[in-house]
Amino acid sequence: MRVKYFGELYDFLGKFEDLVIVRKNEVTLREVLEEVRKLRPELRFFEERVPMMWVYVNGKWVRNMDVKVRDGDVVWLSPALYEGG
């Protein structure tokens, strides 16, 4: 599963995207984000300072972290004030 970073998060991590391996056919978005935090521990530091993050799955804004995602989906993480510049 691809996880993409935008705005200040991209600047902070120095990466545009990571590949997250999920071992089940279907997992919750919450589980994916925990895997991202294991891969990028510095994400927790960023989240403490920028507590509001927009999360998209396949281009659709998601507020429910219990939504199911599967291999092949794309998750986008962006600080709430990112304007795409």
N, C-alpha and C. Protein backbone atom coordinates (compact mmCIF):
# COMPACT_ATOMS: atom_id res chain seq x y z
N MET A 1 0.85 -1.16 0.00
CA MET A 1 0.00 0.00 0.00
C MET A 1 0.90 1.23 0.00
N ARG A 2 0.58 2.17 -0.86
CA ARG A 2 1.37 3.40 -0.93
C ARG A 2 0.80 4.44 0.03
N VAL A 3 1.70 5.11 0.75
CA VAL A 3 1.32 6.21 1.63
C VAL A 3 2.11 7.43 1.15
N LYS A 4 1.38 8.50 0.81
CA LYS A 4 2.01 9.72 0.29
C LYS A 4 1.91 10.85 1.30
N TYR A 5 2.93 11.70 1.32
CA TYR A 5 3.02 12.80 2.27
C TYR A 5 3.02 14.13 1.51
N PHE A 6 2.26 15.09 2.03
CA PHE A 6 2.14 16.38 1.37
C PHE A 6 2.44 17.53 2.32
N GLY A 7 2.74 18.69 1.75
CA GLY A 7 2.93 19.91 2.51
C GLY A 7 4.09 19.83 3.49
N GLU A 8 3.88 20.39 4.67
CA GLU A 8 4.91 20.42 5.71
C GLU A 8 5.34 19.02 6.11
N LEU A 9 4.44 18.06 6.01
CA LEU A 9 4.79 16.68 6.35
C LEU A 9 5.85 16.15 5.38
N TYR A 10 5.68 16.44 4.11
CA TYR A 10 6.69 16.07 3.11
C TYR A 10 8.03 16.73 3.45
N ASP A 11 7.98 18.02 3.76
CA ASP A 11 9.21 18.74 4.11
C ASP A 11 9.87 18.14 5.35
N PHE A 12 9.06 17.81 6.35
CA PHE A 12 9.57 17.29 7.61
C PHE A 12 10.19 15.90 7.43
N LEU A 13 9.50 15.02 6.73
CA LEU A 13 9.99 13.65 6.56
C LEU A 13 11.07 13.54 5.48
N GLY A 14 11.06 14.48 4.53
CA GLY A 14 12.02 14.42 3.44
C GLY A 14 11.71 13.31 2.44
N LYS A 15 10.48 12.84 2.47
CA LYS A 15 10.03 11.77 1.57
C LYS A 15 8.67 12.13 1.04
N PHE A 16 8.42 11.72 -0.19
CA PHE A 16 7.11 11.94 -0.79
C PHE A 16 6.19 10.76 -0.56
N GLU A 17 6.79 9.55 -0.48
CA GLU A 17 5.94 8.37 -0.37
C GLU A 17 6.70 7.20 0.23
N ASP A 18 5.94 6.33 0.88
CA ASP A 18 6.48 5.08 1.42
C ASP A 18 5.59 3.94 0.95
N LEU A 19 6.16 2.77 0.89
CA LEU A 19 5.40 1.56 0.61
C LEU A 19 5.23 0.83 1.94
N VAL A 20 3.99 0.63 2.35
CA VAL A 20 3.69 -0.04 3.61
C VAL A 20 3.15 -1.43 3.29
N ILE A 21 3.78 -2.43 3.86
CA ILE A 21 3.38 -3.81 3.62
C ILE A 21 2.33 -4.20 4.66
N VAL A 22 1.18 -4.65 4.18
CA VAL A 22 0.14 -5.16 5.09
C VAL A 22 0.02 -6.66 4.85
N ARG A 23 -0.10 -7.41 5.91
CA ARG A 23 -0.07 -8.87 5.82
C ARG A 23 -1.45 -9.50 5.68
N LYS A 24 -2.49 -8.68 5.74
CA LYS A 24 -3.86 -9.20 5.62
C LYS A 24 -4.50 -8.60 4.37
N ASN A 25 -5.56 -9.23 3.89
CA ASN A 25 -6.27 -8.71 2.72
C ASN A 25 -6.87 -7.34 2.99
N GLU A 26 -7.33 -7.14 4.22
CA GLU A 26 -8.02 -5.91 4.57
C GLU A 26 -7.63 -5.50 5.98
N VAL A 27 -7.29 -4.24 6.16
CA VAL A 27 -6.93 -3.71 7.48
C VAL A 27 -7.63 -2.37 7.65
N THR A 28 -7.64 -1.87 8.88
CA THR A 28 -8.22 -0.55 9.10
C THR A 28 -7.17 0.51 8.79
N LEU A 29 -7.65 1.68 8.50
CA LEU A 29 -6.76 2.81 8.26
C LEU A 29 -5.92 3.07 9.51
N ARG A 30 -6.50 2.87 10.67
CA ARG A 30 -5.78 3.02 11.94
C ARG A 30 -4.55 2.10 11.98
N GLU A 31 -4.72 0.85 11.53
CA GLU A 31 -3.60 -0.10 11.50
C GLU A 31 -2.52 0.34 10.52
N VAL A 32 -2.93 0.87 9.38
CA VAL A 32 -1.95 1.37 8.41
C VAL A 32 -1.16 2.51 9.01
N LEU A 33 -1.83 3.43 9.68
CA LEU A 33 -1.14 4.57 10.27
C LEU A 33 -0.17 4.11 11.36
N GLU A 34 -0.51 3.07 12.10
CA GLU A 34 0.43 2.54 13.09
C GLU A 34 1.66 1.96 12.41
N GLU A 35 1.49 1.30 11.28
CA GLU A 35 2.63 0.77 10.52
C GLU A 35 3.49 1.92 10.00
N VAL A 36 2.86 3.00 9.56
CA VAL A 36 3.62 4.17 9.09
C VAL A 36 4.43 4.74 10.25
N ARG A 37 3.84 4.81 11.43
CA ARG A 37 4.56 5.34 12.60
C ARG A 37 5.75 4.46 12.97
N LYS A 38 5.65 3.16 12.75
CA LYS A 38 6.79 2.26 12.99
C LYS A 38 7.88 2.52 11.96
N LEU A 39 7.47 2.72 10.72
CA LEU A 39 8.42 2.97 9.64
C LEU A 39 9.06 4.35 9.77
N ARG A 40 8.27 5.33 10.19
CA ARG A 40 8.71 6.72 10.33
C ARG A 40 8.39 7.21 11.75
N PRO A 41 9.20 6.83 12.75
CA PRO A 41 8.91 7.22 14.13
C PRO A 41 8.81 8.73 14.32
N GLU A 42 9.47 9.49 13.47
CA GLU A 42 9.43 10.95 13.57
C GLU A 42 8.03 11.50 13.27
N LEU A 43 7.17 10.67 12.69
CA LEU A 43 5.80 11.11 12.42
C LEU A 43 5.07 11.45 13.71
N ARG A 44 5.32 10.70 14.78
CA ARG A 44 4.69 11.00 16.08
C ARG A 44 5.06 12.40 16.55
N PHE A 45 6.32 12.76 16.41
CA PHE A 45 6.78 14.10 16.78
C PHE A 45 6.03 15.15 15.98
N PHE A 46 5.87 14.93 14.68
CA PHE A 46 5.14 15.86 13.82
C PHE A 46 3.68 15.96 14.27
N GLU A 47 3.05 14.83 14.55
CA GLU A 47 1.64 14.81 14.96
C GLU A 47 1.41 15.55 16.27
N GLU A 48 2.39 15.53 17.16
CA GLU A 48 2.26 16.27 18.42
C GLU A 48 2.23 17.77 18.18
N ARG A 49 2.92 18.23 17.17
CA ARG A 49 3.00 19.67 16.88
C ARG A 49 1.93 20.13 15.89
N VAL A 50 1.49 19.22 15.05
CA VAL A 50 0.44 19.53 14.06
C VAL A 50 -0.65 18.47 14.26
N PRO A 51 -1.53 18.70 15.24
CA PRO A 51 -2.47 17.65 15.63
C PRO A 51 -3.59 17.37 14.63
N MET A 52 -3.79 18.25 13.67
CA MET A 52 -4.88 18.03 12.71
C MET A 52 -4.31 17.64 11.36
N MET A 53 -4.63 16.43 10.93
CA MET A 53 -4.12 15.91 9.67
C MET A 53 -5.29 15.48 8.80
N TRP A 54 -5.22 15.81 7.53
CA TRP A 54 -6.21 15.31 6.58
C TRP A 54 -5.72 13.97 6.06
N VAL A 55 -6.63 13.01 6.00
CA VAL A 55 -6.30 11.68 5.51
C VAL A 55 -7.24 11.37 4.35
N TYR A 56 -6.66 10.93 3.26
CA TYR A 56 -7.42 10.54 2.07
C TYR A 56 -7.09 9.11 1.72
N VAL A 57 -8.08 8.38 1.25
CA VAL A 57 -7.86 7.03 0.72
C VAL A 57 -8.38 7.04 -0.71
N ASN A 58 -7.49 6.76 -1.64
CA ASN A 58 -7.83 6.77 -3.07
C ASN A 58 -8.51 8.08 -3.48
N GLY A 59 -7.99 9.19 -2.94
CA GLY A 59 -8.48 10.51 -3.32
C GLY A 59 -9.72 10.98 -2.59
N LYS A 60 -10.25 10.19 -1.66
CA LYS A 60 -11.46 10.58 -0.92
C LYS A 60 -11.09 10.87 0.53
N TRP A 61 -11.55 12.03 1.02
CA TRP A 61 -11.28 12.43 2.39
C TRP A 61 -11.93 11.45 3.35
N VAL A 62 -11.17 11.01 4.35
CA VAL A 62 -11.66 10.02 5.32
C VAL A 62 -11.47 10.58 6.73
N ARG A 63 -12.53 10.52 7.52
CA ARG A 63 -12.44 10.94 8.92
C ARG A 63 -12.51 9.76 9.87
N ASN A 64 -13.00 8.63 9.41
CA ASN A 64 -13.15 7.43 10.22
C ASN A 64 -11.91 6.56 10.08
N MET A 65 -11.13 6.46 11.13
CA MET A 65 -9.89 5.68 11.08
C MET A 65 -10.14 4.17 11.10
N ASP A 66 -11.40 3.77 11.25
CA ASP A 66 -11.74 2.35 11.23
C ASP A 66 -12.19 1.88 9.85
N VAL A 67 -12.11 2.77 8.85
CA VAL A 67 -12.47 2.38 7.49
C VAL A 67 -11.49 1.31 7.02
N LYS A 68 -11.98 0.36 6.24
CA LYS A 68 -11.15 -0.74 5.75
C LYS A 68 -10.41 -0.32 4.48
N VAL A 69 -9.14 -0.67 4.42
CA VAL A 69 -8.32 -0.43 3.23
C VAL A 69 -7.64 -1.74 2.88
N ARG A 70 -7.19 -1.83 1.64
CA ARG A 70 -6.56 -3.08 1.19
C ARG A 70 -5.36 -2.77 0.31
N ASP A 71 -4.60 -3.80 0.05
CA ASP A 71 -3.42 -3.66 -0.80
C ASP A 71 -3.83 -3.03 -2.13
N GLY A 72 -3.06 -2.09 -2.59
CA GLY A 72 -3.37 -1.38 -3.83
C GLY A 72 -3.99 -0.02 -3.59
N ASP A 73 -4.55 0.21 -2.40
CA ASP A 73 -5.10 1.52 -2.07
C ASP A 73 -3.95 2.51 -1.86
N VAL A 74 -4.25 3.79 -2.02
CA VAL A 74 -3.28 4.84 -1.79
C VAL A 74 -3.80 5.74 -0.67
N VAL A 75 -2.98 5.92 0.35
CA VAL A 75 -3.32 6.77 1.49
C VAL A 75 -2.49 8.05 1.37
N TRP A 76 -3.16 9.19 1.50
CA TRP A 76 -2.48 10.49 1.47
C TRP A 76 -2.59 11.12 2.84
N LEU A 77 -1.49 11.65 3.34
CA LEU A 77 -1.48 12.37 4.61
C LEU A 77 -1.05 13.80 4.36
N SER A 78 -1.81 14.74 4.90
CA SER A 78 -1.53 16.15 4.66
C SER A 78 -1.93 16.97 5.87
N PRO A 79 -1.08 17.91 6.30
CA PRO A 79 -1.50 18.84 7.34
C PRO A 79 -2.75 19.58 6.86
N ALA A 80 -3.61 19.93 7.80
CA ALA A 80 -4.91 20.51 7.45
C ALA A 80 -4.81 21.82 6.68
N LEU A 81 -3.74 22.57 6.82
CA LEU A 81 -3.64 23.87 6.17
C LEU A 81 -2.87 23.84 4.87
N TYR A 82 -2.54 22.68 4.36
CA TYR A 82 -1.79 22.57 3.11
C TYR A 82 -2.66 22.98 1.93
N GLU A 83 -2.11 23.88 1.07
CA GLU A 83 -2.88 24.40 -0.06
C GLU A 83 -2.39 23.89 -1.40
N GLY A 84 -1.48 22.93 -1.40
CA GLY A 84 -1.04 22.33 -2.65
C GLY A 84 0.05 23.10 -3.38
N GLY A 85 0.68 24.06 -2.73
CA GLY A 85 1.69 24.88 -3.38
C GLY A 85 3.05 24.30 -3.42
